[in-house]
Every structure is written in C-alpha cells, then in structure tokens.
Amino acid sequence: MALTQKSPDFTEPKPYLSLVTPADYAGNKLIIASVPSLDTSVCSLETKRFNDEA
C-alpha cells in the first residue's frame, strides 16, 4: 500500500478482548507490519530491522 493511501476499514483485537479500528488512530500516521512467522530467519530479520529503524 502506498504511503498516500488510506487504510481499509478493519477491526483488530487488543489485549483483554477489546477492539481497535482505524478510527482509533484518526489524525495520526499508522504503520502496519505483517509478519507470517517469527520462526523463519527472513521474518525474524525483517522484524528486527523494522524495529531498529523505527
């Protein structure tokens, strides 16, 4: 997704079974990173690099 596009509507669970939606971040920039499995070396390295650069 390009940086200029708005995210699609979604609902995501948070701890304690509450829900979060894009409206909860209105007015803020939001980065969504999806990693299939941290059990693979590529995904693990990707996550580490993302966190280091963030």
C-alpha atoms as a PDB file:
ATOM      1  CA  MET A   1       0.000   0.000   0.000  1.00  0.00           C
ATOM      2  CA  ALA A   2       1.411   3.389  -0.933  1.00  0.00           C
ATOM      3  CA  LEU A   3       2.072   5.897   1.814  1.00  0.00           C
ATOM      4  CA  THR A   4      -0.592   8.217   0.454  1.00  0.00           C
ATOM      5  CA  GLN A   5      -3.442   5.718   0.614  1.00  0.00           C
ATOM      6  CA  LYS A   6      -5.874   5.402   3.491  1.00  0.00           C
ATOM      7  CA  SER A   7      -6.092   2.032   5.169  1.00  0.00           C
ATOM      8  CA  PRO A   8      -9.074  -0.190   4.543  1.00  0.00           C
ATOM      9  CA  ASP A   9     -11.518  -0.483   7.402  1.00  0.00           C
ATOM     10  CA  PHE A  10     -10.520  -3.229   9.848  1.00  0.00           C
ATOM     11  CA  THR A  11     -11.081  -4.434  13.382  1.00  0.00           C
ATOM     12  CA  GLU A  12      -8.204  -5.924  15.333  1.00  0.00           C
ATOM     13  CA  PRO A  13      -8.288  -7.446  18.823  1.00  0.00           C
ATOM     14  CA  LYS A  14      -6.230  -5.849  21.576  1.00  0.00           C
ATOM     15  CA  PRO A  15      -5.338  -7.380  24.936  1.00  0.00           C
ATOM     16  CA  TYR A  16      -8.312  -8.181  27.144  1.00  0.00           C
ATOM     17  CA  LEU A  17     -10.556  -8.685  24.079  1.00  0.00           C
ATOM     18  CA  SER A  18     -11.164  -5.014  23.332  1.00  0.00           C
ATOM     19  CA  LEU A  19     -11.085  -3.979  19.664  1.00  0.00           C
ATOM     20  CA  VAL A  20      -9.166  -1.345  17.725  1.00  0.00           C
ATOM     21  CA  THR A  21     -10.196   0.233  14.398  1.00  0.00           C
ATOM     22  CA  PRO A  22      -8.592   2.847  12.108  1.00  0.00           C
ATOM     23  CA  ALA A  23     -10.843   5.483  13.713  1.00  0.00           C
ATOM     24  CA  ASP A  24      -8.855   4.987  16.941  1.00  0.00           C
ATOM     25  CA  TYR A  25      -5.828   6.459  15.116  1.00  0.00           C
ATOM     26  CA  ALA A  26      -7.587   9.340  13.367  1.00  0.00           C
ATOM     27  CA  GLY A  27      -5.183  12.212  12.735  1.00  0.00           C
ATOM     28  CA  ASN A  28      -2.106  10.025  13.302  1.00  0.00           C
ATOM     29  CA  LYS A  29       0.141   8.109  10.963  1.00  0.00           C
ATOM     30  CA  LEU A  30      -0.153   4.368  11.375  1.00  0.00           C
ATOM     31  CA  ILE A  31       2.327   1.728  10.250  1.00  0.00           C
ATOM     32  CA  ILE A  32       1.006  -1.802   9.921  1.00  0.00           C
ATOM     33  CA  ALA A  33       3.598  -4.548   9.679  1.00  0.00           C
ATOM     34  CA  SER A  34       2.552  -8.102   8.979  1.00  0.00           C
ATOM     35  CA  VAL A  35       4.925 -10.988   9.654  1.00  0.00           C
ATOM     36  CA  PRO A  36       3.764 -14.529   8.830  1.00  0.00           C
ATOM     37  CA  SER A  37       6.058 -16.304  11.306  1.00  0.00           C
ATOM     38  CA  LEU A  38       8.930 -15.287  13.547  1.00  0.00           C
ATOM     39  CA  ASP A  39      10.110 -18.904  13.353  1.00  0.00           C
ATOM     40  CA  THR A  40      11.721 -18.221   9.967  1.00  0.00           C
ATOM     41  CA  SER A  41      15.042 -16.422   9.633  1.00  0.00           C
ATOM     42  CA  VAL A  42      13.758 -13.986   6.986  1.00  0.00           C
ATOM     43  CA  CYS A  43      10.743 -12.877   9.042  1.00  0.00           C
ATOM     44  CA  SER A  44      12.825 -12.625  12.193  1.00  0.00           C
ATOM     45  CA  LEU A  45      15.459 -10.464  10.462  1.00  0.00           C
ATOM     46  CA  GLU A  46      12.751  -8.318   8.849  1.00  0.00           C
ATOM     47  CA  THR A  47      11.118  -7.680  12.219  1.00  0.00           C
ATOM     48  CA  LYS A  48      14.432  -6.849  13.904  1.00  0.00           C
ATOM     49  CA  ARG A  49      15.408  -4.421  11.130  1.00  0.00           C
ATOM     50  CA  PHE A  50      11.966  -2.779  11.187  1.00  0.00           C
ATOM     51  CA  ASN A  51      12.235  -2.238  14.951  1.00  0.00           C
ATOM     52  CA  ASP A  52      15.806  -0.952  14.694  1.00  0.00           C
ATOM     53  CA  GLU A  53      14.875   1.566  12.001  1.00  0.00           C
ATOM     54  CA  ALA A  54      11.616   2.611  13.639  1.00  0.00           C
END
